[in-house]
Amino acid sequence: MLKEYNSFEEIDARLEVLKLQRQIDEESFKLHLHKAKRDLVPRQFNSGIGSLLQKFAIAFLTKKLSKRFRERSQKEIAALNKTTSS
């Protein structure tokens, strides 16, 4: 269900909330990723080729998840813009 807005101030406030929620989600994701990396990787795996593979895998996953966060935010903003143009 789409929300109807009565003023541009309401729209701006909602966009600001969505922006802050996205930033919180990104920071939470970074924290969880760091904790998972720390907890799941054996100590001896931190050196050599294992470390290189680990860094590659983390970079790949981070990129994919960041893309999903951006797409979700863009969909929410598009929905807001659609309600204001109606």
PDB file of N, CA and C in Angstrom:
ATOM      1  N   MET A   1       0.849  -1.177   0.000  1.00  0.00           N
ATOM      2  CA  MET A   1       0.000   0.000   0.000  1.00  0.00           C
ATOM      3  C   MET A   1       0.891   1.235   0.000  1.00  0.00           C
ATOM      4  N   LEU A   2       0.620   2.132  -0.928  1.00  0.00           N
ATOM      5  CA  LEU A   2       1.422   3.335  -1.041  1.00  0.00           C
ATOM      6  C   LEU A   2       0.866   4.434  -0.149  1.00  0.00           C
ATOM      7  N   LYS A   3       1.760   5.136   0.464  1.00  0.00           N
ATOM      8  CA  LYS A   3       1.359   6.226   1.346  1.00  0.00           C
ATOM      9  C   LYS A   3       1.184   7.505   0.522  1.00  0.00           C
ATOM     10  N   GLU A   4       0.193   8.276   0.871  1.00  0.00           N
ATOM     11  CA  GLU A   4      -0.016   9.560   0.210  1.00  0.00           C
ATOM     12  C   GLU A   4       0.605  10.653   1.062  1.00  0.00           C
ATOM     13  N   TYR A   5       1.248  11.575   0.404  1.00  0.00           N
ATOM     14  CA  TYR A   5       1.909  12.681   1.097  1.00  0.00           C
ATOM     15  C   TYR A   5       1.164  13.973   0.784  1.00  0.00           C
ATOM     16  N   ASN A   6       1.106  14.839   1.790  1.00  0.00           N
ATOM     17  CA  ASN A   6       0.362  16.088   1.637  1.00  0.00           C
ATOM     18  C   ASN A   6       1.254  17.287   1.369  1.00  0.00           C
ATOM     19  N   SER A   7       2.564  17.101   1.537  1.00  0.00           N
ATOM     20  CA  SER A   7       3.466  18.224   1.301  1.00  0.00           C
ATOM     21  C   SER A   7       4.845  17.710   0.926  1.00  0.00           C
ATOM     22  N   PHE A   8       5.627  18.609   0.361  1.00  0.00           N
ATOM     23  CA  PHE A   8       7.002  18.264   0.023  1.00  0.00           C
ATOM     24  C   PHE A   8       7.837  18.046   1.277  1.00  0.00           C
ATOM     25  N   GLU A   9       7.470  18.685   2.357  1.00  0.00           N
ATOM     26  CA  GLU A   9       8.200  18.497   3.612  1.00  0.00           C
ATOM     27  C   GLU A   9       8.066  17.049   4.098  1.00  0.00           C
ATOM     28  N   GLU A  10       6.864  16.489   3.963  1.00  0.00           N
ATOM     29  CA  GLU A  10       6.664  15.096   4.349  1.00  0.00           C
ATOM     30  C   GLU A  10       7.499  14.159   3.473  1.00  0.00           C
ATOM     31  N   ILE A  11       7.546  14.455   2.197  1.00  0.00           N
ATOM     32  CA  ILE A  11       8.339  13.643   1.275  1.00  0.00           C
ATOM     33  C   ILE A  11       9.813  13.748   1.632  1.00  0.00           C
ATOM     34  N   ASP A  12      10.292  14.968   1.851  1.00  0.00           N
ATOM     35  CA  ASP A  12      11.699  15.162   2.221  1.00  0.00           C
ATOM     36  C   ASP A  12      12.037  14.446   3.524  1.00  0.00           C
ATOM     37  N   ALA A  13      11.133  14.498   4.483  1.00  0.00           N
ATOM     38  CA  ALA A  13      11.370  13.828   5.763  1.00  0.00           C
ATOM     39  C   ALA A  13      11.447  12.315   5.554  1.00  0.00           C
ATOM     40  N   ARG A  14      10.559  11.766   4.739  1.00  0.00           N
ATOM     41  CA  ARG A  14      10.563  10.323   4.473  1.00  0.00           C
ATOM     42  C   ARG A  14      11.837   9.905   3.742  1.00  0.00           C
ATOM     43  N   LEU A  15      12.261  10.709   2.781  1.00  0.00           N
ATOM     44  CA  LEU A  15      13.499  10.411   2.062  1.00  0.00           C
ATOM     45  C   LEU A  15      14.697  10.435   2.997  1.00  0.00           C
ATOM     46  N   GLU A  16      14.699  11.365   3.935  1.00  0.00           N
ATOM     47  CA  GLU A  16      15.791  11.447   4.905  1.00  0.00           C
ATOM     48  C   GLU A  16      15.800  10.212   5.804  1.00  0.00           C
ATOM     49  N   VAL A  17      14.605   9.777   6.229  1.00  0.00           N
ATOM     50  CA  VAL A  17      14.514   8.563   7.052  1.00  0.00           C
ATOM     51  C   VAL A  17      15.037   7.352   6.275  1.00  0.00           C
ATOM     52  N   LEU A  18      14.640   7.231   5.006  1.00  0.00           N
ATOM     53  CA  LEU A  18      15.105   6.108   4.191  1.00  0.00           C
ATOM     54  C   LEU A  18      16.626   6.153   4.010  1.00  0.00           C
ATOM     55  N   LYS A  19      17.148   7.342   3.818  1.00  0.00           N
ATOM     56  CA  LYS A  19      18.597   7.491   3.664  1.00  0.00           C
ATOM     57  C   LYS A  19      19.321   7.058   4.944  1.00  0.00           C
ATOM     58  N   LEU A  20      18.816   7.484   6.085  1.00  0.00           N
ATOM     59  CA  LEU A  20      19.430   7.108   7.357  1.00  0.00           C
ATOM     60  C   LEU A  20      19.290   5.607   7.617  1.00  0.00           C
ATOM     61  N   GLN A  21      18.139   5.036   7.281  1.00  0.00           N
ATOM     62  CA  GLN A  21      17.960   3.591   7.446  1.00  0.00           C
ATOM     63  C   GLN A  21      18.951   2.820   6.581  1.00  0.00           C
ATOM     64  N   ARG A  22      19.160   3.285   5.363  1.00  0.00           N
ATOM     65  CA  ARG A  22      20.120   2.636   4.471  1.00  0.00           C
ATOM     66  C   ARG A  22      21.525   2.708   5.055  1.00  0.00           C
ATOM     67  N   GLN A  23      21.909   3.875   5.597  1.00  0.00           N
ATOM     68  CA  GLN A  23      23.231   4.018   6.194  1.00  0.00           C
ATOM     69  C   GLN A  23      23.387   3.099   7.400  1.00  0.00           C
ATOM     70  N   ILE A  24      22.343   2.994   8.211  1.00  0.00           N
ATOM     71  CA  ILE A  24      22.378   2.102   9.371  1.00  0.00           C
ATOM     72  C   ILE A  24      22.520   0.654   8.910  1.00  0.00           C
ATOM     73  N   ASP A  25      21.756   0.274   7.887  1.00  0.00           N
ATOM     74  CA  ASP A  25      21.843  -1.084   7.358  1.00  0.00           C
ATOM     75  C   ASP A  25      23.239  -1.388   6.819  1.00  0.00           C
ATOM     76  N   GLU A  26      23.840  -0.437   6.128  1.00  0.00           N
ATOM     77  CA  GLU A  26      25.180  -0.637   5.585  1.00  0.00           C
ATOM     78  C   GLU A  26      26.204  -0.813   6.701  1.00  0.00           C
ATOM     79  N   GLU A  27      26.121   0.012   7.738  1.00  0.00           N
ATOM     80  CA  GLU A  27      27.055  -0.101   8.857  1.00  0.00           C
ATOM     81  C   GLU A  27      26.836  -1.404   9.622  1.00  0.00           C
ATOM     82  N   SER A  28      25.591  -1.793   9.785  1.00  0.00           N
ATOM     83  CA  SER A  28      25.277  -3.060  10.445  1.00  0.00           C
ATOM     84  C   SER A  28      25.837  -4.224   9.640  1.00  0.00           C
ATOM     85  N   PHE A  29      25.688  -4.150   8.329  1.00  0.00           N
ATOM     86  CA  PHE A  29      26.232  -5.184   7.456  1.00  0.00           C
ATOM     87  C   PHE A  29      27.748  -5.264   7.593  1.00  0.00           C
ATOM     88  N   LYS A  30      28.410  -4.127   7.589  1.00  0.00           N
ATOM     89  CA  LYS A  30      29.867  -4.114   7.737  1.00  0.00           C
ATOM     90  C   LYS A  30      30.290  -4.744   9.061  1.00  0.00           C
ATOM     91  N   LEU A  31      29.573  -4.421  10.123  1.00  0.00           N
ATOM     92  CA  LEU A  31      29.886  -4.982  11.437  1.00  0.00           C
ATOM     93  C   LEU A  31      29.689  -6.498  11.440  1.00  0.00           C
ATOM     94  N   HIS A  32      28.567  -6.967  10.892  1.00  0.00           N
ATOM     95  CA  HIS A  32      28.301  -8.406  10.854  1.00  0.00           C
ATOM     96  C   HIS A  32      29.330  -9.124   9.982  1.00  0.00           C
ATOM     97  N   LEU A  33      29.705  -8.509   8.877  1.00  0.00           N
ATOM     98  CA  LEU A  33      30.706  -9.103   7.996  1.00  0.00           C
ATOM     99  C   LEU A  33      32.047  -9.228   8.718  1.00  0.00           C
ATOM    100  N   HIS A  34      32.421  -8.189   9.428  1.00  0.00           N
ATOM    101  CA  HIS A  34      33.677  -8.208  10.182  1.00  0.00           C
ATOM    102  C   HIS A  34      33.643  -9.303  11.252  1.00  0.00           C
ATOM    103  N   LYS A  35      32.527  -9.403  11.976  1.00  0.00           N
ATOM    104  CA  LYS A  35      32.404 -10.423  13.020  1.00  0.00           C
ATOM    105  C   LYS A  35      32.445 -11.831  12.417  1.00  0.00           C
ATOM    106  N   ALA A  36      31.754 -12.022  11.297  1.00  0.00           N
ATOM    107  CA  ALA A  36      31.756 -13.333  10.650  1.00  0.00           C
ATOM    108  C   ALA A  36      33.152 -13.691  10.173  1.00  0.00           C
ATOM    109  N   LYS A  37      33.826 -12.740   9.594  1.00  0.00           N
ATOM    110  CA  LYS A  37      35.194 -12.964   9.130  1.00  0.00           C
ATOM    111  C   LYS A  37      36.081 -13.364  10.304  1.00  0.00           C
ATOM    112  N   ARG A  38      35.965 -12.652  11.396  1.00  0.00           N
ATOM    113  CA  ARG A  38      36.789 -12.921  12.576  1.00  0.00           C
ATOM    114  C   ARG A  38      36.475 -14.283  13.179  1.00  0.00           C
ATOM    115  N   ASP A  39      35.190 -14.639  13.241  1.00  0.00           N
ATOM    116  CA  ASP A  39      34.781 -15.865  13.909  1.00  0.00           C
ATOM    117  C   ASP A  39      34.970 -17.126  13.061  1.00  0.00           C
ATOM    118  N   LEU A  40      34.858 -17.019  11.754  1.00  0.00           N
ATOM    119  CA  LEU A  40      34.862 -18.201  10.904  1.00  0.00           C
ATOM    120  C   LEU A  40      36.216 -18.575  10.320  1.00  0.00           C
ATOM    121  N   VAL A  41      37.160 -17.683  10.373  1.00  0.00           N
ATOM    122  CA  VAL A  41      38.448 -17.939   9.743  1.00  0.00           C
ATOM    123  C   VAL A  41      39.443 -18.453  10.784  1.00  0.00           C
ATOM    124  N   PRO A  42      39.980 -19.658  10.564  1.00  0.00           N
ATOM    125  CA  PRO A  42      41.001 -20.155  11.487  1.00  0.00           C
ATOM    126  C   PRO A  42      42.226 -19.255  11.489  1.00  0.00           C
ATOM    127  N   ARG A  43      42.932 -19.239  12.578  1.00  0.00           N
ATOM    128  CA  ARG A  43      44.090 -18.368  12.726  1.00  0.00           C
ATOM    129  C   ARG A  43      45.152 -18.624  11.658  1.00  0.00           C
ATOM    130  N   GLN A  44      45.456 -19.888  11.369  1.00  0.00           N
ATOM    131  CA  GLN A  44      46.507 -20.196  10.414  1.00  0.00           C
ATOM    132  C   GLN A  44      46.095 -19.892   8.971  1.00  0.00           C
ATOM    133  N   PHE A  45      44.798 -19.700   8.738  1.00  0.00           N
ATOM    134  CA  PHE A  45      44.294 -19.414   7.394  1.00  0.00           C
ATOM    135  C   PHE A  45      44.520 -17.951   7.009  1.00  0.00           C
ATOM    136  N   ASN A  46      44.920 -17.139   7.963  1.00  0.00           N
ATOM    137  CA  ASN A  46      45.087 -15.708   7.730  1.00  0.00           C
ATOM    138  C   ASN A  46      46.324 -15.359   6.927  1.00  0.00           C
ATOM    139  N   SER A  47      47.179 -16.302   6.628  1.00  0.00           N
ATOM    140  CA  SER A  47      48.393 -15.991   5.876  1.00  0.00           C
ATOM    141  C   SER A  47      48.389 -16.721   4.542  1.00  0.00           C
ATOM    142  N   GLY A  48      49.192 -16.246   3.640  1.00  0.00           N
ATOM    143  CA  GLY A  48      49.389 -16.918   2.359  1.00  0.00           C
ATOM    144  C   GLY A  48      48.222 -16.794   1.417  1.00  0.00           C
ATOM    145  N   ILE A  49      48.061 -17.838   0.609  1.00  0.00           N
ATOM    146  CA  ILE A  49      47.047 -17.820  -0.442  1.00  0.00           C
ATOM    147  C   ILE A  49      45.633 -17.843   0.126  1.00  0.00           C
ATOM    148  N   GLY A  50      45.470 -18.438   1.288  1.00  0.00           N
ATOM    149  CA  GLY A  50      44.151 -18.457   1.924  1.00  0.00           C
ATOM    150  C   GLY A  50      43.656 -17.056   2.202  1.00  0.00           C
ATOM    151  N   SER A  51      44.560 -16.201   2.622  1.00  0.00           N
ATOM    152  CA  SER A  51      44.200 -14.817   2.901  1.00  0.00           C
ATOM    153  C   SER A  51      43.771 -14.098   1.623  1.00  0.00           C
ATOM    154  N   LEU A  52      44.457 -14.366   0.545  1.00  0.00           N
ATOM    155  CA  LEU A  52      44.114 -13.753  -0.734  1.00  0.00           C
ATOM    156  C   LEU A  52      42.724 -14.203  -1.196  1.00  0.00           C
ATOM    157  N   LEU A  53      42.458 -15.497  -1.104  1.00  0.00           N
ATOM    158  CA  LEU A  53      41.138 -16.006  -1.488  1.00  0.00           C
ATOM    159  C   LEU A  53      40.044 -15.452  -0.593  1.00  0.00           C
ATOM    160  N   GLN A  54      40.354 -15.357   0.675  1.00  0.00           N
ATOM    161  CA  GLN A  54      39.387 -14.816   1.631  1.00  0.00           C
ATOM    162  C   GLN A  54      39.057 -13.371   1.285  1.00  0.00           C
ATOM    163  N   LYS A  55      40.048 -12.570   1.008  1.00  0.00           N
ATOM    164  CA  LYS A  55      39.823 -11.163   0.665  1.00  0.00           C
ATOM    165  C   LYS A  55      39.003 -11.041  -0.614  1.00  0.00           C
ATOM    166  N   PHE A  56      39.293 -11.886  -1.592  1.00  0.00           N
ATOM    167  CA  PHE A  56      38.548 -11.866  -2.842  1.00  0.00           C
ATOM    168  C   PHE A  56      37.078 -12.226  -2.600  1.00  0.00           C
ATOM    169  N   ALA A  57      36.853 -13.265  -1.814  1.00  0.00           N
ATOM    170  CA  ALA A  57      35.486 -13.703  -1.534  1.00  0.00           C
ATOM    171  C   ALA A  57      34.710 -12.625  -0.777  1.00  0.00           C
ATOM    172  N   ILE A  58      35.336 -12.006   0.188  1.00  0.00           N
ATOM    173  CA  ILE A  58      34.669 -10.958   0.964  1.00  0.00           C
ATOM    174  C   ILE A  58      34.364  -9.752   0.087  1.00  0.00           C
ATOM    175  N   ALA A  59      35.312  -9.372  -0.763  1.00  0.00           N
ATOM    176  CA  ALA A  59      35.081  -8.240  -1.665  1.00  0.00           C
ATOM    177  C   ALA A  59      33.921  -8.546  -2.611  1.00  0.00           C
ATOM    178  N   PHE A  60      33.872  -9.758  -3.122  1.00  0.00           N
ATOM    179  CA  PHE A  60      32.805 -10.161  -4.032  1.00  0.00           C
ATOM    180  C   PHE A  60      31.446 -10.110  -3.339  1.00  0.00           C
ATOM    181  N   LEU A  61      31.367 -10.699  -2.150  1.00  0.00           N
ATOM    182  CA  LEU A  61      30.103 -10.708  -1.410  1.00  0.00           C
ATOM    183  C   LEU A  61      29.679  -9.298  -1.013  1.00  0.00           C
ATOM    184  N   THR A  62      30.617  -8.493  -0.586  1.00  0.00           N
ATOM    185  CA  THR A  62      30.307  -7.116  -0.207  1.00  0.00           C
ATOM    186  C   THR A  62      29.742  -6.344  -1.387  1.00  0.00           C
ATOM    187  N   LYS A  63      30.348  -6.518  -2.540  1.00  0.00           N
ATOM    188  CA  LYS A  63      29.877  -5.824  -3.744  1.00  0.00           C
ATOM    189  C   LYS A  63      28.457  -6.250  -4.101  1.00  0.00           C
ATOM    190  N   LYS A  64      28.196  -7.562  -4.051  1.00  0.00           N
ATOM    191  CA  LYS A  64      26.866  -8.065  -4.388  1.00  0.00           C
ATOM    192  C   LYS A  64      25.806  -7.560  -3.403  1.00  0.00           C
ATOM    193  N   LEU A  65      26.119  -7.619  -2.117  1.00  0.00           N
ATOM    194  CA  LEU A  65      25.144  -7.178  -1.117  1.00  0.00           C
ATOM    195  C   LEU A  65      24.941  -5.667  -1.163  1.00  0.00           C
ATOM    196  N   SER A  66      25.997  -4.925  -1.416  1.00  0.00           N
ATOM    197  CA  SER A  66      25.861  -3.470  -1.540  1.00  0.00           C
ATOM    198  C   SER A  66      24.957  -3.115  -2.713  1.00  0.00           C
ATOM    199  N   LYS A  67      25.093  -3.860  -3.795  1.00  0.00           N
ATOM    200  CA  LYS A  67      24.246  -3.626  -4.973  1.00  0.00           C
ATOM    201  C   LYS A  67      22.777  -3.859  -4.612  1.00  0.00           C
ATOM    202  N   ARG A  68      22.516  -4.911  -3.839  1.00  0.00           N
ATOM    203  CA  ARG A  68      21.130  -5.178  -3.430  1.00  0.00           C
ATOM    204  C   ARG A  68      20.576  -4.074  -2.545  1.00  0.00           C
ATOM    205  N   PHE A  69      21.404  -3.548  -1.622  1.00  0.00           N
ATOM    206  CA  PHE A  69      20.966  -2.437  -0.776  1.00  0.00           C
ATOM    207  C   PHE A  69      20.622  -1.221  -1.636  1.00  0.00           C
ATOM    208  N   ARG A  70      21.475  -0.916  -2.609  1.00  0.00           N
ATOM    209  CA  ARG A  70      21.220   0.237  -3.479  1.00  0.00           C
ATOM    210  C   ARG A  70      19.950   0.048  -4.289  1.00  0.00           C
ATOM    211  N   GLU A  71      19.767  -1.156  -4.843  1.00  0.00           N
ATOM    212  CA  GLU A  71      18.566  -1.425  -5.649  1.00  0.00           C
ATOM    213  C   GLU A  71      17.306  -1.278  -4.807  1.00  0.00           C
ATOM    214  N   ARG A  72      17.349  -1.784  -3.573  1.00  0.00           N
ATOM    215  CA  ARG A  72      16.181  -1.672  -2.694  1.00  0.00           C
ATOM    216  C   ARG A  72      15.873  -0.213  -2.392  1.00  0.00           C
ATOM    217  N   SER A  73      16.902   0.561  -2.113  1.00  0.00           N
ATOM    218  CA  SER A  73      16.707   1.974  -1.812  1.00  0.00           C
ATOM    219  C   SER A  73      16.157   2.712  -3.028  1.00  0.00           C
ATOM    220  N   GLN A  74      16.676   2.382  -4.200  1.00  0.00           N
ATOM    221  CA  GLN A  74      16.201   3.047  -5.415  1.00  0.00           C
ATOM    222  C   GLN A  74      14.736   2.709  -5.682  1.00  0.00           C
ATOM    223  N   LYS A  75      14.335   1.488  -5.394  1.00  0.00           N
ATOM    224  CA  LYS A  75      12.928   1.105  -5.577  1.00  0.00           C
ATOM    225  C   LYS A  75      12.035   1.883  -4.616  1.00  0.00           C
ATOM    226  N   GLU A  76      12.482   2.062  -3.377  1.00  0.00           N
ATOM    227  CA  GLU A  76      11.700   2.814  -2.401  1.00  0.00           C
ATOM    228  C   GLU A  76      11.573   4.273  -2.826  1.00  0.00           C
ATOM    229  N   ILE A  77      12.651   4.843  -3.305  1.00  0.00           N
ATOM    230  CA  ILE A  77      12.628   6.237  -3.760  1.00  0.00           C
ATOM    231  C   ILE A  77      11.736   6.370  -4.982  1.00  0.00           C
ATOM    232  N   ALA A  78      11.804   5.410  -5.910  1.00  0.00           N
ATOM    233  CA  ALA A  78      10.960   5.442  -7.098  1.00  0.00           C
ATOM    234  C   ALA A  78       9.485   5.362  -6.713  1.00  0.00           C
ATOM    235  N   ALA A  79       9.185   4.542  -5.716  1.00  0.00           N
ATOM    236  CA  ALA A  79       7.798   4.434  -5.260  1.00  0.00           C
ATOM    237  C   ALA A  79       7.338   5.744  -4.649  1.00  0.00           C
ATOM    238  N   LEU A  80       8.222   6.400  -3.904  1.00  0.00           N
ATOM    239  CA  LEU A  80       7.873   7.704  -3.334  1.00  0.00           C
ATOM    240  C   LEU A  80       7.641   8.729  -4.439  1.00  0.00           C
ATOM    241  N   ASN A  81       8.507   8.735  -5.430  1.00  0.00           N
ATOM    242  CA  ASN A  81       8.366   9.682  -6.523  1.00  0.00           C
ATOM    243  C   ASN A  81       7.093   9.422  -7.318  1.00  0.00           C
ATOM    244  N   LYS A  82       6.733   8.159  -7.444  1.00  0.00           N
ATOM    245  CA  LYS A  82       5.519   7.798  -8.190  1.00  0.00           C
ATOM    246  C   LYS A  82       4.281   8.313  -7.449  1.00  0.00           C
ATOM    247  N   THR A  83       4.304   8.240  -6.110  1.00  0.00           N
ATOM    248  CA  THR A  83       3.140   8.704  -5.345  1.00  0.00           C
ATOM    249  C   THR A  83       3.010  10.215  -5.393  1.00  0.00           C
ATOM    250  N   THR A  84       4.123  10.906  -5.502  1.00  0.00           N
ATOM    251  CA  THR A  84       4.060  12.375  -5.541  1.00  0.00           C
ATOM    252  C   THR A  84       3.622  12.875  -6.909  1.00  0.00           C
ATOM    253  N   SER A  85       3.902  12.096  -7.965  1.00  0.00           N
ATOM    254  CA  SER A  85       3.513  12.547  -9.296  1.00  0.00           C
ATOM    255  C   SER A  85       2.060  12.194  -9.610  1.00  0.00           C
ATOM    256  N   SER A  86       1.449  11.340  -8.801  1.00  0.00           N
ATOM    257  CA  SER A  86       0.056  10.926  -9.043  1.00  0.00           C
ATOM    258  C   SER A  86      -0.908  11.970  -8.564  1.00  0.00           C
TER     259      SER A  86
END
